[in-house]
Amino acid sequence: MQVYPRPTEKRVDVPREDVEGECPECGEASLQAYPVLSEGGWWNVTKCQSCLCSVKREPGPLLGGIQLLIDAV
């Protein structure tokens, strides 16, 4: 039994949410929120899609989008 099948997509991406507001660096109204994995672990960030300025950065879930089967019980 295979719980997580191999992805068939060439690229795996995460959904991004549009956020209201303007970038403090460039003034564009193109902010989006999404999870990011860095050397410090998972972060929930809000970034400008024009200049990539980080508007907001908060620690995310320990395992990111992975849900353990034990947590579903």
N, C-alpha and C. Protein backbone atom coordinates (compact mmCIF):
# COMPACT_ATOMS: atom_id res chain seq x y z
N MET A 1 0.83 -1.18 0.00
CA MET A 1 0.00 0.00 0.00
C MET A 1 0.89 1.25 0.00
N GLN A 2 0.63 2.15 -0.91
CA GLN A 2 1.42 3.37 -1.02
C GLN A 2 0.58 4.54 -0.52
N VAL A 3 1.02 5.17 0.58
CA VAL A 3 0.26 6.26 1.18
C VAL A 3 0.44 7.55 0.38
N TYR A 4 1.67 7.85 0.01
CA TYR A 4 1.97 9.06 -0.74
C TYR A 4 2.58 8.67 -2.09
N PRO A 5 1.78 8.67 -3.15
CA PRO A 5 2.32 8.30 -4.46
C PRO A 5 3.30 9.33 -4.98
N ARG A 6 4.18 8.90 -5.85
CA ARG A 6 5.16 9.79 -6.47
C ARG A 6 4.43 10.85 -7.28
N PRO A 7 4.81 12.13 -7.13
CA PRO A 7 4.15 13.18 -7.92
C PRO A 7 4.35 12.96 -9.42
N THR A 8 3.35 13.29 -10.20
CA THR A 8 3.45 13.17 -11.64
C THR A 8 3.80 14.52 -12.29
N GLU A 9 3.67 15.62 -11.52
CA GLU A 9 3.99 16.94 -12.04
C GLU A 9 5.50 17.11 -12.15
N LYS A 10 5.94 17.89 -13.12
CA LYS A 10 7.37 18.17 -13.24
C LYS A 10 7.85 19.09 -12.14
N ARG A 11 6.96 19.97 -11.68
CA ARG A 11 7.30 20.91 -10.61
C ARG A 11 6.23 20.82 -9.53
N VAL A 12 6.66 20.89 -8.29
CA VAL A 12 5.74 20.89 -7.16
C VAL A 12 5.76 22.30 -6.57
N ASP A 13 4.58 22.88 -6.41
CA ASP A 13 4.53 24.21 -5.83
C ASP A 13 3.43 24.27 -4.78
N VAL A 14 3.41 25.33 -4.02
CA VAL A 14 2.41 25.51 -2.98
C VAL A 14 1.45 26.62 -3.38
N PRO A 15 0.21 26.53 -2.93
CA PRO A 15 -0.73 27.61 -3.24
C PRO A 15 -0.32 28.90 -2.53
N ARG A 16 -0.52 30.01 -3.19
CA ARG A 16 -0.22 31.32 -2.63
C ARG A 16 -1.51 32.10 -2.48
N GLU A 17 -1.59 32.88 -1.41
CA GLU A 17 -2.77 33.69 -1.16
C GLU A 17 -2.44 35.16 -1.40
N ASP A 18 -3.30 35.85 -2.13
CA ASP A 18 -3.13 37.29 -2.31
C ASP A 18 -3.41 37.99 -0.98
N VAL A 19 -2.60 39.00 -0.69
CA VAL A 19 -2.73 39.76 0.55
C VAL A 19 -2.91 41.23 0.18
N GLU A 20 -3.84 41.90 0.84
CA GLU A 20 -4.06 43.32 0.58
C GLU A 20 -2.93 44.13 1.20
N GLY A 21 -2.59 45.23 0.57
CA GLY A 21 -1.57 46.13 1.09
C GLY A 21 -0.54 46.46 0.03
N GLU A 22 0.40 47.32 0.42
CA GLU A 22 1.47 47.74 -0.48
C GLU A 22 2.82 47.35 0.10
N CYS A 23 3.77 47.10 -0.76
CA CYS A 23 5.13 46.79 -0.36
C CYS A 23 5.78 48.05 0.22
N PRO A 24 6.43 47.95 1.38
CA PRO A 24 7.09 49.12 1.96
C PRO A 24 8.34 49.54 1.18
N GLU A 25 8.88 48.66 0.35
CA GLU A 25 10.10 48.96 -0.42
C GLU A 25 9.81 49.61 -1.76
N CYS A 26 8.91 48.97 -2.54
CA CYS A 26 8.69 49.45 -3.91
C CYS A 26 7.31 50.07 -4.14
N GLY A 27 6.39 49.90 -3.18
CA GLY A 27 5.07 50.49 -3.30
C GLY A 27 4.07 49.69 -4.12
N GLU A 28 4.47 48.57 -4.69
CA GLU A 28 3.56 47.74 -5.49
C GLU A 28 2.52 47.05 -4.58
N ALA A 29 1.35 46.82 -5.12
CA ALA A 29 0.29 46.12 -4.40
C ALA A 29 0.23 44.67 -4.85
N SER A 30 1.34 43.98 -4.82
CA SER A 30 1.41 42.59 -5.28
C SER A 30 1.97 41.70 -4.18
N LEU A 31 1.29 41.67 -3.03
CA LEU A 31 1.74 40.86 -1.90
C LEU A 31 1.06 39.50 -1.92
N GLN A 32 1.84 38.46 -1.59
CA GLN A 32 1.31 37.11 -1.49
C GLN A 32 1.89 36.42 -0.27
N ALA A 33 1.09 35.55 0.35
CA ALA A 33 1.51 34.78 1.52
C ALA A 33 1.64 33.32 1.12
N TYR A 34 2.72 32.67 1.63
CA TYR A 34 2.95 31.26 1.33
C TYR A 34 4.04 30.71 2.26
N PRO A 35 4.12 29.38 2.42
CA PRO A 35 5.15 28.78 3.26
C PRO A 35 6.48 28.69 2.52
N VAL A 36 7.57 28.82 3.28
CA VAL A 36 8.93 28.76 2.73
C VAL A 36 9.78 27.88 3.64
N LEU A 37 10.63 27.05 3.05
CA LEU A 37 11.57 26.24 3.82
C LEU A 37 12.96 26.84 3.66
N SER A 38 13.60 27.17 4.80
CA SER A 38 14.96 27.70 4.77
C SER A 38 15.81 26.92 5.76
N GLU A 39 17.06 27.33 5.93
CA GLU A 39 17.95 26.63 6.86
C GLU A 39 17.43 26.69 8.29
N GLY A 40 16.55 27.63 8.59
CA GLY A 40 15.98 27.76 9.93
C GLY A 40 14.67 27.03 10.11
N GLY A 41 14.24 26.26 9.12
CA GLY A 41 12.98 25.52 9.19
C GLY A 41 11.91 26.16 8.33
N TRP A 42 10.66 25.82 8.62
CA TRP A 42 9.52 26.33 7.86
C TRP A 42 9.10 27.70 8.38
N TRP A 43 8.74 28.59 7.44
CA TRP A 43 8.28 29.94 7.77
C TRP A 43 7.04 30.23 6.94
N ASN A 44 6.09 30.96 7.52
CA ASN A 44 4.96 31.50 6.79
C ASN A 44 5.34 32.94 6.48
N VAL A 45 5.45 33.27 5.20
CA VAL A 45 5.93 34.58 4.80
C VAL A 45 4.89 35.31 3.95
N THR A 46 4.99 36.62 3.98
CA THR A 46 4.26 37.49 3.05
C THR A 46 5.33 38.28 2.33
N LYS A 47 5.38 38.13 1.01
CA LYS A 47 6.43 38.76 0.21
C LYS A 47 5.83 39.53 -0.95
N CYS A 48 6.52 40.59 -1.34
CA CYS A 48 6.17 41.34 -2.53
C CYS A 48 6.61 40.52 -3.73
N GLN A 49 5.73 40.34 -4.70
CA GLN A 49 6.05 39.55 -5.87
C GLN A 49 6.81 40.35 -6.93
N SER A 50 6.94 41.66 -6.71
CA SER A 50 7.70 42.49 -7.65
C SER A 50 9.18 42.56 -7.27
N CYS A 51 9.46 42.84 -5.98
CA CYS A 51 10.86 43.01 -5.56
C CYS A 51 11.31 41.96 -4.56
N LEU A 52 10.41 41.04 -4.15
CA LEU A 52 10.68 39.95 -3.21
C LEU A 52 11.04 40.42 -1.80
N CYS A 53 10.64 41.64 -1.45
CA CYS A 53 10.81 42.14 -0.09
C CYS A 53 9.95 41.30 0.86
N SER A 54 10.52 40.88 1.99
CA SER A 54 9.75 40.15 3.01
C SER A 54 9.00 41.16 3.87
N VAL A 55 7.67 41.15 3.76
CA VAL A 55 6.84 42.06 4.53
C VAL A 55 6.54 41.47 5.90
N LYS A 56 6.37 40.13 5.94
CA LYS A 56 6.04 39.45 7.19
C LYS A 56 6.69 38.07 7.16
N ARG A 57 7.21 37.64 8.31
CA ARG A 57 7.86 36.33 8.40
C ARG A 57 7.62 35.76 9.79
N GLU A 58 6.87 34.64 9.86
CA GLU A 58 6.55 34.02 11.14
C GLU A 58 6.92 32.54 11.08
N PRO A 59 7.36 31.96 12.20
CA PRO A 59 7.67 30.52 12.20
C PRO A 59 6.44 29.72 11.79
N GLY A 60 6.67 28.72 10.94
CA GLY A 60 5.58 27.86 10.47
C GLY A 60 5.55 26.55 11.23
N PRO A 61 4.74 25.60 10.77
CA PRO A 61 4.68 24.28 11.42
C PRO A 61 6.03 23.57 11.34
N LEU A 62 6.31 22.76 12.33
CA LEU A 62 7.60 22.07 12.42
C LEU A 62 7.91 21.27 11.15
N LEU A 63 6.92 20.57 10.60
CA LEU A 63 7.13 19.74 9.41
C LEU A 63 6.52 20.35 8.15
N GLY A 64 6.20 21.63 8.19
CA GLY A 64 5.62 22.27 7.01
C GLY A 64 4.27 21.70 6.68
N GLY A 65 4.05 21.32 5.44
CA GLY A 65 2.76 20.80 5.01
C GLY A 65 2.59 19.30 5.23
N ILE A 66 3.55 18.66 5.86
CA ILE A 66 3.48 17.21 6.09
C ILE A 66 2.64 16.94 7.32
N GLN A 67 1.64 16.10 7.16
CA GLN A 67 0.81 15.69 8.31
C GLN A 67 1.11 14.22 8.59
N LEU A 68 1.54 13.94 9.81
CA LEU A 68 1.82 12.57 10.20
C LEU A 68 0.53 11.79 10.39
N LEU A 69 0.54 10.50 10.07
CA LEU A 69 -0.64 9.67 10.23
C LEU A 69 -1.06 9.62 11.70
N ILE A 70 -0.13 9.66 12.62
CA ILE A 70 -0.44 9.61 14.05
C ILE A 70 -1.25 10.83 14.48
N ASP A 71 -1.05 11.97 13.80
CA ASP A 71 -1.81 13.18 14.12
C ASP A 71 -3.25 13.11 13.67
N ALA A 72 -3.56 12.23 12.72
CA ALA A 72 -4.91 12.11 12.18
C ALA A 72 -5.77 11.19 13.04
N VAL A 73 -5.18 10.49 13.98
CA VAL A 73 -5.91 9.54 14.82
C VAL A 73 -6.59 10.25 15.96
